[in-house]
Protein backbone atom coordinates (compact mmCIF):
# COMPACT_ATOMS: atom_id res chain seq x y z
CA UNK A 1 90.53 210.69 105.27
CA UNK A 2 91.51 213.89 104.29
CA UNK A 3 94.39 214.70 102.30
CA UNK A 4 95.97 218.09 101.43
CA UNK A 5 98.50 218.39 98.75
CA UNK A 6 100.37 221.64 98.56
CA UNK A 7 102.55 222.61 95.34
CA UNK A 8 104.23 225.66 93.94
CA UNK A 9 107.16 226.50 96.20
CA UNK A 10 110.37 227.35 94.73
CA UNK A 11 113.30 229.52 94.64
CA UNK A 12 112.74 233.25 93.95
CA UNK A 13 114.49 236.33 94.20
CA UNK A 14 113.73 239.03 96.73
CA UNK A 15 110.92 241.03 95.40
CA UNK A 16 109.50 238.43 93.43
CA UNK A 17 106.19 236.21 93.41
CA UNK A 18 105.25 232.65 93.97
CA UNK A 19 101.75 231.19 93.99
CA UNK A 20 101.05 228.08 96.29
CA UNK A 21 98.41 225.69 95.85
CA UNK A 22 96.38 222.98 98.37
CA UNK A 23 94.52 220.33 96.62
CA UNK A 24 91.87 219.00 99.49
CA UNK A 25 90.11 215.51 99.35
CA UNK A 26 88.03 213.62 101.52
CA UNK A 27 85.88 216.28 102.89
CA UNK A 28 83.19 218.83 101.65
CA UNK A 29 85.65 221.47 101.05
CA UNK A 30 83.54 224.48 100.95
CA UNK A 31 82.49 224.43 104.38
CA UNK A 32 85.49 224.35 106.36
CA UNK A 33 88.05 227.28 106.79
CA UNK A 34 91.33 226.82 105.43
CA UNK A 35 94.53 228.22 106.38
CA UNK A 36 98.29 228.69 105.40
CA UNK A 37 101.04 228.56 108.11
CA UNK A 38 104.90 228.60 107.62
CA UNK A 39 107.88 227.53 109.53
CA UNK A 40 111.39 228.55 109.29
CA UNK A 41 114.22 226.42 110.67
CA UNK A 42 114.85 226.53 114.24
CA UNK A 43 111.63 228.60 114.70
CA UNK A 44 107.95 227.63 115.73
CA UNK A 45 105.24 227.31 113.10
CA UNK A 46 103.24 230.42 112.54
CA UNK A 47 100.28 231.37 111.04
CA UNK A 48 100.07 233.26 107.34
CA UNK A 49 96.54 233.34 106.47
CA UNK A 50 93.06 232.08 106.72
CA UNK A 51 89.90 232.11 104.75
CA UNK A 52 86.48 230.84 105.88
CA UNK A 53 83.52 229.05 104.33
CA UNK A 54 82.15 232.75 103.25
CA UNK A 55 85.52 233.95 101.79
CA UNK A 56 86.37 236.11 104.83
CA UNK A 57 90.04 236.24 105.01
CA UNK A 58 92.37 237.01 107.85
CA UNK A 59 96.50 237.94 107.43
CA UNK A 60 99.29 237.89 109.71
CA UNK A 61 100.66 241.42 110.16
CA UNK A 62 103.88 240.45 108.33
CA UNK A 63 102.30 239.60 105.24
CA UNK A 64 99.40 241.65 104.91
CA UNK A 65 99.21 243.87 101.81
CA UNK A 66 101.79 241.35 99.97
CA UNK A 67 100.01 237.90 100.48
CA UNK A 68 96.55 236.94 99.28
CA UNK A 69 94.56 234.03 100.12
CA UNK A 70 91.78 232.36 97.71
CA UNK A 71 89.85 229.23 97.33
CA UNK A 72 88.17 227.62 94.46
CA UNK A 73 85.33 224.92 95.82
CA UNK A 74 84.92 223.92 92.59
CA UNK A 75 88.37 222.63 92.29
CA UNK A 76 88.65 221.99 96.06
CA UNK A 77 91.69 223.83 95.90
CA UNK A 78 93.11 227.14 98.13
CA UNK A 79 95.86 229.25 97.25
CA UNK A 80 98.12 231.76 98.51
CA UNK A 81 99.83 234.38 96.13
CA UNK A 82 102.77 235.81 97.40
CA UNK A 83 104.20 239.15 96.24
CA UNK A 84 106.97 241.33 97.29
CA UNK A 85 108.61 238.31 98.64
CA UNK A 86 111.28 238.96 101.32
CA UNK A 87 114.10 236.95 102.87
CA UNK A 88 112.21 236.29 106.12
CA UNK A 89 109.32 234.83 104.14
CA UNK A 90 111.64 231.81 103.62
CA UNK A 91 110.19 228.79 105.05
CA UNK A 92 108.35 225.66 104.42
CA UNK A 93 104.73 226.60 104.03
CA UNK A 94 101.75 224.21 105.03
CA UNK A 95 98.12 224.17 104.21
CA UNK A 96 95.73 223.11 107.04
CA UNK A 97 92.01 222.34 107.41
CA UNK A 98 90.04 223.96 110.15
CA UNK A 99 88.36 221.66 112.32
CA UNK A 100 84.87 222.88 112.50
CA UNK A 101 82.53 222.78 109.77
CA UNK A 102 81.11 226.64 109.02
CA UNK A 103 83.79 227.53 111.73
CA UNK A 104 85.29 231.28 111.74
CA UNK A 105 88.86 232.17 110.62
CA UNK A 106 91.59 231.29 113.13
CA UNK A 107 95.17 231.86 113.63
CA UNK A 108 95.75 229.16 116.14
CA UNK A 109 97.28 226.00 114.92
CA UNK A 110 94.75 223.77 117.24
CA UNK A 111 91.62 225.02 115.40
CA UNK A 112 93.21 223.12 112.27
CA UNK A 113 92.99 219.40 112.30
CA UNK A 114 94.82 218.09 108.94
CA UNK A 115 98.02 219.45 107.39
CA UNK A 116 99.66 218.95 104.37
CA UNK A 117 103.20 217.78 104.08
CA UNK A 118 104.44 221.33 103.22
CA UNK A 119 106.44 222.89 100.35
CA UNK A 120 109.60 224.99 100.42
CA UNK A 121 109.88 228.42 99.45
CA UNK A 122 113.10 229.88 99.14
CA UNK A 123 113.95 233.54 98.92
CA UNK A 124 117.41 234.82 97.40
CA UNK A 125 118.76 238.48 98.26
């Protein structure tokens, strides 16, 4: 059974930084794409960033240039470095594991089959 455990969320002032981590187990981590999504109150879950097995990355336009996704296959962990945080970045952030081995990067929720429990990011203005 695949398990994803996020950490690193918290309260930060606008303009500040946070680094989220997602520890994975139960699968050959390095061969699957991994993604980060977020969901704000009253809104649908939305794509943030993804990284595939060859470290190719893809970002939502709203975070491009501010967020960086990376992975450490030796630690079975994927990260999301978030800089220049804005109030509109406030949400619960979810880590997700891609459905297809050696799959390409995807912004589509249904291309991910395992999800973490989420970690809250709060940005104060």
